[in-house]
Amino acid sequence: MVTTRFYGSARGGAGMRDGRALGRRFGWLWASYAVSSYGTSLAFGAFPLVAVLVLHAGPAQVSALSAVGLTVGAVVAVPLGPWVEFRRKRPVMIAMDLVRFAALMSVPVAFALGRLGFVQLLVVSVVVAAARITFNAAGGAYLKELVPPRDLLVANSRFESTTWTAIMVGPPLGGAAIGVLGPVVTVAADAVSHLLSALGIRAIGGDEPRPARTGAPGSHTGDLLEGWRAILSHRTLRRLFLNTILVNGLIMATEPLLAVLLLGRLGFAPWEYGLMFAVPCVGGLVGARLARRLVARFGRHGVMLTAGALRACWPVGLALVQPGVPGIVLVIVVQLGLVTCCGVFNPVLATYRLDHTDPGRVARTLSAWSVGGTLGIAALTAVWGLLATAVGPRAAIVAAGVLLLATPLLLPRREDLRTGTSTPPRPGAGRPSPSPRSA
């Protein structure tokens, strides 16, 4: 996702938004994030679309494509968290971008040669999922070193606004490109965006010292578990982690089913499908821009709990979707409410998580968080694919919406967010528990 305003901000007055400059290096990081986000948004739902339109896959196969890719990719990424922790983060981010470029570009090449098959889509989805988790772990740790703690919410809000801006622009353009140039063109665009992102991250420059490895020799198993221990021993992070897994899992489990329902049974065109998920992203952009002001006025704990609860209330409305314009309007309204709440919640959560993670454990903690979330999405996607096969896509979507209504019960209590309490791990289990800053 390339726009001149992001690359322009990377020179001189970089990141001069929200009334605060975060420096030239953050400007390049933000620009690189913008590039890859726009590319990914162009390819929104690309693999389900390719599976449905090119390989004529059904609901079970489309759900399996998402579930297997996410599951195996997450398993592959498990040992990469400790590996990232003790290496310079910027080269890791560049490498993961290049891996994604190569994997994604193999899809249009195989399609052009008439050799594209379902197995290749599975393999590519595995590689992309593992590289994404590893990139995010390295990127979060790098951001914490690059940006002062007082500016983390500003930085995360900018990334969040960029995400929703990209999704607002990308799917309609992607849908139009598919209609004119074929179903794999957006996969190629996504691949190129990761190549451009790698070049942008390389342009950040500056020295990055190699992290010193601590702990006893041969403690690799402990390193693998350290991220999970940091999450599960912290009462508030644990509840946020479980809530996030369930909410994201139930929302994402319905994505391939929505593709089958909207593109197949209800007969919407690809550009209409993209439009229904693009227009509501205005709400995500607004939410991300408001997050810092809402926190300043109502406090981080109040904003997190309110937005976290409200984001679970919308998807059940998809039960009523019908063909034609009324169906388009309904999906847009539901998605608008959902993404506005997510736009507020996500940067506040990301900032809280970084604030309450020890600097020596950031990559492992973020990797464990991503792996857990990815496995949750994969498991629920597989289950909902089977459910949709048994009862139909619409009924399965309704079931997910009803379960989402109960997820606010997993949010932490207000007093936990105020104190940021944690429970120390067992004696001898990894390094000492961090002393997180106050929420």
Protein backbone atom coordinates (compact mmCIF):
# COMPACT_ATOMS: atom_id res chain seq x y z
CA MET A 1 0.00 0.00 0.00
CA VAL A 2 1.89 2.99 -1.32
CA THR A 3 0.75 6.56 -0.98
CA THR A 4 2.86 9.68 -1.32
CA ARG A 5 1.81 11.02 2.04
CA PHE A 6 3.43 8.06 3.83
CA TYR A 7 6.70 8.25 1.92
CA GLY A 8 6.59 12.03 2.09
CA SER A 9 6.28 11.85 5.86
CA ALA A 10 9.38 9.70 5.99
CA ARG A 11 11.56 12.72 5.21
CA GLY A 12 12.05 15.72 7.38
CA GLY A 13 8.87 16.00 9.49
CA ALA A 14 8.22 12.28 9.63
CA GLY A 15 5.11 11.06 11.36
CA MET A 16 3.85 14.59 11.99
CA ARG A 17 0.30 13.55 12.77
CA ASP A 18 -1.87 13.73 15.85
CA GLY A 19 0.21 16.84 16.65
CA ARG A 20 3.33 14.81 17.46
CA ALA A 21 6.45 13.98 15.43
CA LEU A 22 7.88 10.49 15.97
CA GLY A 23 10.97 10.87 13.80
CA ARG A 24 12.28 9.90 10.38
CA ARG A 25 12.89 6.25 11.28
CA PHE A 26 9.33 5.77 12.49
CA GLY A 27 8.21 7.46 9.27
CA TRP A 28 9.92 4.76 7.20
CA LEU A 29 8.51 2.03 9.42
CA TRP A 30 5.03 3.49 9.04
CA ALA A 31 5.52 3.82 5.27
CA SER A 32 6.54 0.17 5.02
CA TYR A 33 3.54 -0.87 7.06
CA ALA A 34 1.35 1.22 4.76
CA VAL A 35 2.76 -0.47 1.67
CA SER A 36 2.14 -4.00 2.90
CA SER A 37 -1.27 -3.13 4.34
CA TYR A 38 -2.51 -1.70 1.06
CA GLY A 39 -1.24 -4.76 -0.79
CA THR A 40 -2.90 -7.13 1.65
CA SER A 41 -6.17 -5.22 1.50
CA LEU A 42 -6.17 -5.45 -2.31
CA ALA A 43 -5.99 -9.21 -1.81
CA PHE A 44 -8.73 -9.26 0.85
CA GLY A 45 -10.20 -12.78 0.83
CA ALA A 46 -8.03 -13.62 -2.20
CA PHE A 47 -7.47 -17.28 -1.38
CA PRO A 48 -11.18 -18.02 -0.74
CA LEU A 49 -11.98 -16.16 -3.97
CA VAL A 50 -9.41 -18.17 -5.94
CA ALA A 51 -10.64 -21.39 -4.34
CA VAL A 52 -14.29 -20.63 -5.16
CA LEU A 53 -13.92 -19.01 -8.60
CA VAL A 54 -10.95 -20.96 -10.01
CA LEU A 55 -10.91 -24.30 -8.20
CA HIS A 56 -14.70 -24.45 -7.56
CA ALA A 57 -14.20 -25.37 -3.90
CA GLY A 58 -17.12 -25.80 -1.51
CA PRO A 59 -17.60 -24.52 2.07
CA ALA A 60 -15.61 -27.35 3.70
CA GLN A 61 -12.63 -26.90 1.36
CA VAL A 62 -12.63 -23.11 1.69
CA SER A 63 -12.73 -23.36 5.48
CA ALA A 64 -10.02 -26.05 5.42
CA LEU A 65 -7.84 -23.75 3.33
CA SER A 66 -7.98 -21.11 6.05
CA ALA A 67 -7.80 -23.55 8.98
CA VAL A 68 -4.92 -25.74 7.79
CA GLY A 69 -2.82 -22.81 6.62
CA LEU A 70 -3.25 -20.98 9.89
CA THR A 71 -2.67 -24.05 12.07
CA VAL A 72 0.47 -25.35 10.41
CA GLY A 73 1.80 -21.81 9.97
CA ALA A 74 1.34 -21.13 13.67
CA VAL A 75 3.07 -24.40 14.63
CA VAL A 76 5.98 -23.55 12.35
CA ALA A 77 6.21 -20.10 13.94
CA VAL A 78 6.40 -21.42 17.55
CA PRO A 79 10.20 -21.90 17.65
CA LEU A 80 10.75 -18.69 15.71
CA GLY A 81 9.69 -16.49 18.68
CA PRO A 82 12.81 -17.23 20.75
CA TRP A 83 14.90 -17.12 17.57
CA VAL A 84 13.64 -13.58 16.88
CA GLU A 85 14.14 -12.45 20.50
CA PHE A 86 17.91 -12.81 20.35
CA ARG A 87 18.46 -11.38 16.89
CA ARG A 88 18.37 -7.92 15.38
CA LYS A 89 14.74 -7.26 14.56
CA ARG A 90 15.05 -5.25 11.35
CA PRO A 91 16.83 -7.98 9.32
CA VAL A 92 14.22 -10.48 10.53
CA MET A 93 11.40 -8.21 9.33
CA ILE A 94 13.08 -7.80 5.92
CA ALA A 95 13.58 -11.56 5.59
CA MET A 96 9.95 -12.32 6.44
CA ASP A 97 8.74 -9.78 3.87
CA LEU A 98 10.91 -11.43 1.21
CA VAL A 99 9.62 -14.89 2.15
CA ARG A 100 6.04 -13.68 1.75
CA PHE A 101 6.88 -12.07 -1.58
CA ALA A 102 8.30 -15.33 -2.96
CA ALA A 103 5.48 -17.51 -1.64
CA LEU A 104 2.65 -15.28 -2.86
CA MET A 105 4.21 -14.67 -6.26
CA SER A 106 4.24 -18.43 -6.89
CA VAL A 107 0.41 -18.37 -7.11
CA PRO A 108 0.02 -16.12 -10.19
CA VAL A 109 2.99 -17.86 -11.81
CA ALA A 110 1.37 -21.28 -11.35
CA PHE A 111 -1.98 -19.91 -12.53
CA ALA A 112 -0.39 -18.51 -15.70
CA LEU A 113 1.19 -21.91 -16.38
CA GLY A 114 -2.08 -23.74 -15.77
CA ARG A 115 -0.61 -25.60 -12.77
CA LEU A 116 -2.38 -23.96 -9.84
CA GLY A 117 -3.94 -26.44 -7.44
CA PHE A 118 -5.51 -26.60 -4.00
CA VAL A 119 -2.37 -28.09 -2.41
CA GLN A 120 -0.27 -25.13 -3.54
CA LEU A 121 -2.75 -22.72 -1.97
CA LEU A 122 -2.44 -24.67 1.29
CA VAL A 123 1.37 -24.55 1.23
CA VAL A 124 1.46 -20.85 0.44
CA SER A 125 -1.03 -20.08 3.19
CA VAL A 126 1.19 -21.98 5.67
CA VAL A 127 4.32 -20.07 4.66
CA VAL A 128 2.55 -16.71 4.71
CA ALA A 129 1.00 -17.38 8.13
CA ALA A 130 4.34 -18.37 9.69
CA ALA A 131 6.12 -15.37 8.15
CA ARG A 132 3.38 -13.01 9.30
CA ILE A 133 3.57 -14.18 12.92
CA THR A 134 7.36 -13.90 12.90
CA PHE A 135 7.26 -10.46 11.28
CA ASN A 136 4.73 -9.18 13.83
CA ALA A 137 6.81 -10.46 16.75
CA ALA A 138 9.91 -8.73 15.43
CA GLY A 139 7.96 -5.59 14.50
CA GLY A 140 6.40 -5.19 17.94
CA ALA A 141 9.75 -5.58 19.68
CA TYR A 142 11.35 -3.12 17.23
CA LEU A 143 8.57 -0.57 17.75
CA LYS A 144 9.03 -0.69 21.53
CA GLU A 145 12.72 0.13 21.06
CA LEU A 146 12.10 2.78 18.40
CA VAL A 147 9.31 4.79 20.06
CA PRO A 148 9.30 6.23 23.62
CA PRO A 149 6.69 4.66 25.93
CA ARG A 150 4.64 7.88 26.05
CA ASP A 151 4.21 7.73 22.25
CA LEU A 152 3.27 4.06 21.88
CA LEU A 153 -0.48 4.74 21.80
CA VAL A 154 0.04 7.42 19.14
CA ALA A 155 2.15 5.02 17.04
CA ASN A 156 -0.29 2.13 17.41
CA SER A 157 -3.22 4.42 16.54
CA ARG A 158 -1.45 5.45 13.34
CA PHE A 159 -0.90 1.84 12.36
CA GLU A 160 -4.55 1.08 13.13
CA SER A 161 -5.79 4.05 11.05
CA THR A 162 -3.56 2.94 8.19
CA THR A 163 -5.01 -0.57 8.36
CA TRP A 164 -8.60 0.66 8.08
CA THR A 165 -7.74 3.20 5.38
CA ALA A 166 -6.14 0.42 3.36
CA ILE A 167 -9.11 -1.90 3.80
CA MET A 168 -11.44 0.94 2.82
CA VAL A 169 -9.59 1.48 -0.46
CA GLY A 170 -8.22 -1.96 -1.24
CA PRO A 171 -11.17 -4.40 -1.54
CA PRO A 172 -13.15 -2.32 -4.10
CA LEU A 173 -10.02 -1.89 -6.20
CA GLY A 174 -9.20 -5.55 -5.74
CA GLY A 175 -12.70 -6.57 -6.76
CA ALA A 176 -12.50 -4.38 -9.87
CA ALA A 177 -9.06 -5.78 -10.72
CA ILE A 178 -10.38 -9.33 -10.39
CA GLY A 179 -13.26 -8.51 -12.71
CA VAL A 180 -10.95 -7.06 -15.38
CA LEU A 181 -7.67 -8.98 -15.00
CA GLY A 182 -8.60 -12.27 -13.33
CA PRO A 183 -8.77 -13.74 -9.82
CA VAL A 184 -5.06 -13.97 -9.00
CA VAL A 185 -4.01 -10.42 -9.87
CA THR A 186 -4.53 -9.23 -6.29
CA VAL A 187 -2.29 -12.01 -4.99
CA ALA A 188 0.48 -10.65 -7.21
CA ALA A 189 -0.16 -7.13 -5.89
CA ASP A 190 0.09 -8.43 -2.32
CA ALA A 191 3.39 -10.12 -3.15
CA VAL A 192 4.88 -6.92 -4.62
CA SER A 193 3.73 -4.93 -1.58
CA HIS A 194 5.86 -7.13 0.68
CA LEU A 195 8.88 -6.54 -1.55
CA LEU A 196 8.34 -2.78 -1.30
CA SER A 197 7.87 -3.10 2.46
CA ALA A 198 11.23 -4.86 2.74
CA LEU A 199 12.90 -2.01 0.85
CA GLY A 200 11.24 0.54 3.14
CA ILE A 201 12.38 -1.24 6.29
CA ARG A 202 15.90 -1.41 4.91
CA ALA A 203 15.78 2.38 4.39
CA ILE A 204 15.14 2.95 8.13
CA GLY A 205 18.86 2.66 8.76
CA GLY A 206 20.48 3.26 12.12
CA ASP A 207 22.35 0.92 14.41
CA GLU A 208 20.58 -1.93 16.12
CA PRO A 209 22.66 -3.79 18.70
CA ARG A 210 22.39 -7.55 18.78
CA PRO A 211 20.35 -8.57 21.86
CA ALA A 212 22.35 -10.37 24.50
CA ARG A 213 21.17 -13.88 25.25
CA THR A 214 20.57 -14.54 28.93
CA GLY A 215 19.73 -17.70 30.81
CA ALA A 216 21.39 -21.07 31.13
CA PRO A 217 22.86 -22.84 28.09
CA GLY A 218 20.51 -25.36 26.55
CA SER A 219 17.40 -23.57 27.81
CA HIS A 220 15.72 -23.53 24.39
CA THR A 221 12.61 -25.25 25.71
CA GLY A 222 12.29 -22.59 28.38
CA ASP A 223 12.64 -19.94 25.69
CA LEU A 224 9.77 -21.52 23.75
CA LEU A 225 7.50 -21.34 26.79
CA GLU A 226 8.57 -17.93 28.06
CA GLY A 227 6.11 -15.96 25.96
CA TRP A 228 3.19 -18.11 27.08
CA ARG A 229 4.34 -17.84 30.69
CA ALA A 230 4.50 -14.04 30.47
CA ILE A 231 0.90 -13.93 29.21
CA LEU A 232 -0.67 -16.57 31.43
CA SER A 233 1.03 -15.43 34.65
CA HIS A 234 -0.34 -11.90 34.20
CA ARG A 235 -4.00 -11.89 35.22
CA THR A 236 -5.08 -9.00 32.99
CA LEU A 237 -3.10 -10.06 29.91
CA ARG A 238 -4.44 -13.58 30.35
CA ARG A 239 -8.08 -12.44 30.24
CA LEU A 240 -7.41 -10.09 27.32
CA PHE A 241 -5.65 -12.92 25.50
CA LEU A 242 -8.55 -15.34 25.94
CA ASN A 243 -11.09 -12.69 24.99
CA THR A 244 -9.13 -11.75 21.87
CA ILE A 245 -8.74 -15.38 20.78
CA LEU A 246 -12.46 -16.03 21.02
CA VAL A 247 -13.63 -12.75 19.45
CA ASN A 248 -11.17 -12.84 16.56
CA GLY A 249 -11.69 -16.57 16.07
CA LEU A 250 -15.46 -16.32 15.81
CA ILE A 251 -15.29 -13.32 13.49
CA MET A 252 -12.67 -14.82 11.20
CA ALA A 253 -14.33 -18.26 11.19
CA THR A 254 -17.27 -16.71 9.37
CA GLU A 255 -15.16 -14.97 6.69
CA PRO A 256 -14.97 -17.96 4.28
CA LEU A 257 -18.62 -18.76 5.01
CA LEU A 258 -19.59 -15.19 4.13
CA ALA A 259 -17.66 -15.56 0.88
CA VAL A 260 -19.64 -18.72 0.05
CA LEU A 261 -22.95 -17.17 1.11
CA LEU A 262 -22.54 -13.76 -0.51
CA LEU A 263 -20.67 -14.76 -3.69
CA GLY A 264 -22.33 -18.10 -4.21
CA ARG A 265 -25.82 -18.49 -2.78
CA LEU A 266 -26.86 -14.82 -2.79
CA GLY A 267 -25.16 -14.02 -6.10
CA PHE A 268 -23.25 -10.83 -5.23
CA ALA A 269 -20.48 -9.80 -7.65
CA PRO A 270 -16.86 -9.67 -6.41
CA TRP A 271 -16.88 -5.85 -6.53
CA GLU A 272 -20.05 -5.77 -4.40
CA TYR A 273 -18.43 -8.17 -1.94
CA GLY A 274 -15.41 -5.87 -1.70
CA LEU A 275 -17.62 -2.79 -1.32
CA MET A 276 -19.51 -4.29 1.61
CA PHE A 277 -16.27 -4.67 3.55
CA ALA A 278 -14.60 -1.47 2.35
CA VAL A 279 -17.13 1.27 3.15
CA PRO A 280 -17.41 0.37 6.87
CA CYS A 281 -13.67 0.87 7.28
CA VAL A 282 -14.40 4.60 7.59
CA GLY A 283 -15.56 3.65 11.09
CA GLY A 284 -12.28 1.88 11.82
CA LEU A 285 -10.33 4.93 10.71
CA VAL A 286 -12.46 7.21 12.88
CA GLY A 287 -12.15 4.85 15.86
CA ALA A 288 -8.38 4.66 15.58
CA ARG A 289 -8.10 8.44 15.35
CA LEU A 290 -10.33 8.86 18.40
CA ALA A 291 -8.60 6.24 20.55
CA ARG A 292 -5.98 8.56 22.06
CA ARG A 293 -8.53 11.30 22.79
CA LEU A 294 -10.95 8.86 24.37
CA VAL A 295 -8.19 7.44 26.57
CA ALA A 296 -7.18 10.95 27.62
CA ARG A 297 -10.76 11.75 28.62
CA PHE A 298 -12.12 8.47 30.02
CA GLY A 299 -8.99 6.49 30.92
CA ARG A 300 -7.47 3.47 29.24
CA HIS A 301 -9.35 0.88 31.29
CA GLY A 302 -12.78 2.42 30.61
CA VAL A 303 -12.17 2.72 26.87
CA MET A 304 -10.81 -0.82 26.60
CA LEU A 305 -13.72 -2.39 28.45
CA THR A 306 -16.42 -0.39 26.65
CA ALA A 307 -15.04 -0.83 23.14
CA GLY A 308 -14.18 -4.46 23.87
CA ALA A 309 -17.74 -5.23 24.89
CA LEU A 310 -19.40 -3.29 22.07
CA ARG A 311 -17.38 -4.97 19.31
CA ALA A 312 -19.07 -8.29 20.15
CA CYS A 313 -22.61 -7.00 19.60
CA TRP A 314 -22.69 -6.53 15.83
CA PRO A 315 -21.97 -9.75 13.86
CA VAL A 316 -25.23 -11.46 14.86
CA GLY A 317 -26.98 -8.99 12.54
CA LEU A 318 -25.52 -10.83 9.53
CA ALA A 319 -28.23 -13.45 10.09
CA LEU A 320 -30.66 -11.17 8.23
CA VAL A 321 -28.63 -10.58 5.04
CA GLN A 322 -30.65 -10.88 1.81
CA PRO A 323 -29.88 -10.50 -1.93
CA GLY A 324 -29.75 -7.10 -3.57
CA VAL A 325 -29.34 -3.60 -2.19
CA PRO A 326 -30.94 -4.33 1.23
CA GLY A 327 -28.35 -7.05 1.80
CA ILE A 328 -25.51 -4.69 0.87
CA VAL A 329 -26.83 -2.02 3.24
CA LEU A 330 -27.22 -4.48 6.11
CA VAL A 331 -23.69 -5.87 5.78
CA ILE A 332 -22.28 -2.33 5.62
CA VAL A 333 -24.15 -1.24 8.79
CA VAL A 334 -23.07 -4.33 10.74
CA GLN A 335 -19.46 -4.02 9.61
CA LEU A 336 -19.45 -0.28 10.34
CA GLY A 337 -20.40 -0.86 13.97
CA LEU A 338 -17.92 -3.71 14.35
CA VAL A 339 -14.88 -2.01 12.83
CA THR A 340 -15.50 1.29 14.65
CA CYS A 341 -15.33 -0.52 17.98
CA CYS A 342 -12.29 -2.50 16.82
CA GLY A 343 -10.62 0.71 15.65
CA VAL A 344 -10.83 2.07 19.19
CA PHE A 345 -10.04 -1.19 21.01
CA ASN A 346 -7.06 -2.51 19.01
CA PRO A 347 -4.49 0.28 19.52
CA VAL A 348 -5.36 0.55 23.22
CA LEU A 349 -4.90 -3.20 23.63
CA ALA A 350 -1.64 -3.18 21.64
CA THR A 351 -0.26 -0.36 23.78
CA TYR A 352 -1.32 -2.00 27.06
CA ARG A 353 0.32 -5.25 25.97
CA LEU A 354 3.63 -3.57 25.12
CA ASP A 355 3.56 -1.53 28.33
CA HIS A 356 3.11 -4.68 30.43
CA THR A 357 5.68 -6.86 28.68
CA ASP A 358 9.28 -7.00 29.85
CA PRO A 359 11.64 -5.63 27.14
CA GLY A 360 13.60 -8.89 27.15
CA ARG A 361 10.47 -10.91 26.39
CA VAL A 362 8.63 -8.80 23.81
CA ALA A 363 9.27 -10.92 20.71
CA ARG A 364 8.46 -14.18 22.50
CA THR A 365 5.34 -12.73 24.12
CA LEU A 366 4.02 -11.26 20.86
CA SER A 367 4.87 -14.48 19.03
CA ALA A 368 3.01 -16.55 21.66
CA TRP A 369 0.06 -14.16 21.42
CA SER A 370 -0.03 -14.43 17.62
CA VAL A 371 0.39 -18.20 17.66
CA GLY A 372 -2.42 -18.60 20.19
CA GLY A 373 -4.69 -16.29 18.24
CA THR A 374 -3.87 -17.98 14.96
CA LEU A 375 -4.51 -21.46 16.34
CA GLY A 376 -7.78 -20.23 17.82
CA ILE A 377 -8.86 -18.83 14.46
CA ALA A 378 -7.82 -22.02 12.70
CA ALA A 379 -9.66 -24.30 15.13
CA LEU A 380 -12.86 -22.25 15.03
CA THR A 381 -12.65 -21.92 11.25
CA ALA A 382 -12.42 -25.69 10.91
CA VAL A 383 -15.32 -26.25 13.30
CA TRP A 384 -17.47 -23.66 11.56
CA GLY A 385 -16.67 -25.14 8.17
CA LEU A 386 -18.03 -28.49 9.36
CA LEU A 387 -21.00 -26.76 10.97
CA ALA A 388 -21.76 -24.91 7.72
CA THR A 389 -21.61 -28.18 5.80
CA ALA A 390 -24.19 -29.65 8.20
CA VAL A 391 -26.58 -26.74 8.68
CA GLY A 392 -25.65 -24.25 5.94
CA PRO A 393 -23.51 -21.08 5.92
CA ARG A 394 -26.24 -18.76 7.21
CA ALA A 395 -27.04 -20.86 10.28
CA ALA A 396 -23.33 -21.21 11.08
CA ILE A 397 -22.88 -17.43 10.85
CA VAL A 398 -25.82 -16.95 13.22
CA ALA A 399 -24.29 -19.38 15.74
CA ALA A 400 -21.01 -17.44 15.72
CA GLY A 401 -22.85 -14.15 16.27
CA VAL A 402 -24.78 -15.54 19.24
CA LEU A 403 -21.60 -16.87 20.90
CA LEU A 404 -19.89 -13.52 20.40
CA LEU A 405 -22.51 -11.91 22.63
CA ALA A 406 -21.04 -13.83 25.59
CA THR A 407 -17.39 -12.85 25.01
CA PRO A 408 -17.46 -9.62 27.11
CA LEU A 409 -17.59 -11.92 30.16
CA LEU A 410 -13.93 -12.74 29.44
CA LEU A 411 -12.78 -9.11 29.55
CA PRO A 412 -10.72 -8.19 32.65
CA ARG A 413 -12.34 -6.43 35.55
CA ARG A 414 -11.88 -2.70 35.82
CA GLU A 415 -9.69 -2.96 38.93
CA ASP A 416 -7.36 -5.39 37.12
CA LEU A 417 -6.78 -2.89 34.33
CA ARG A 418 -6.06 -0.16 36.88
CA THR A 419 -3.45 -2.18 38.75
CA GLY A 420 -2.04 -4.38 36.00
CA THR A 421 -1.62 -7.19 38.52
CA SER A 422 0.24 -10.35 37.68
CA THR A 423 0.93 -13.70 39.27
CA PRO A 424 4.62 -14.69 39.48
CA PRO A 425 5.59 -17.88 37.67
CA ARG A 426 6.84 -20.98 39.44
CA PRO A 427 10.32 -20.72 41.00
CA GLY A 428 12.93 -21.60 38.44
CA ALA A 429 10.54 -21.29 35.53
CA GLY A 430 12.34 -18.95 33.16
CA ARG A 431 13.51 -15.48 34.11
CA PRO A 432 11.95 -13.41 36.88
CA SER A 433 8.50 -12.01 36.23
CA PRO A 434 8.54 -8.41 34.98
CA SER A 435 7.27 -5.53 37.05
CA PRO A 436 4.85 -3.95 34.60
CA ARG A 437 4.13 -0.30 34.60
CA SER A 438 0.75 0.87 35.82
CA ALA A 439 -2.10 0.84 33.34
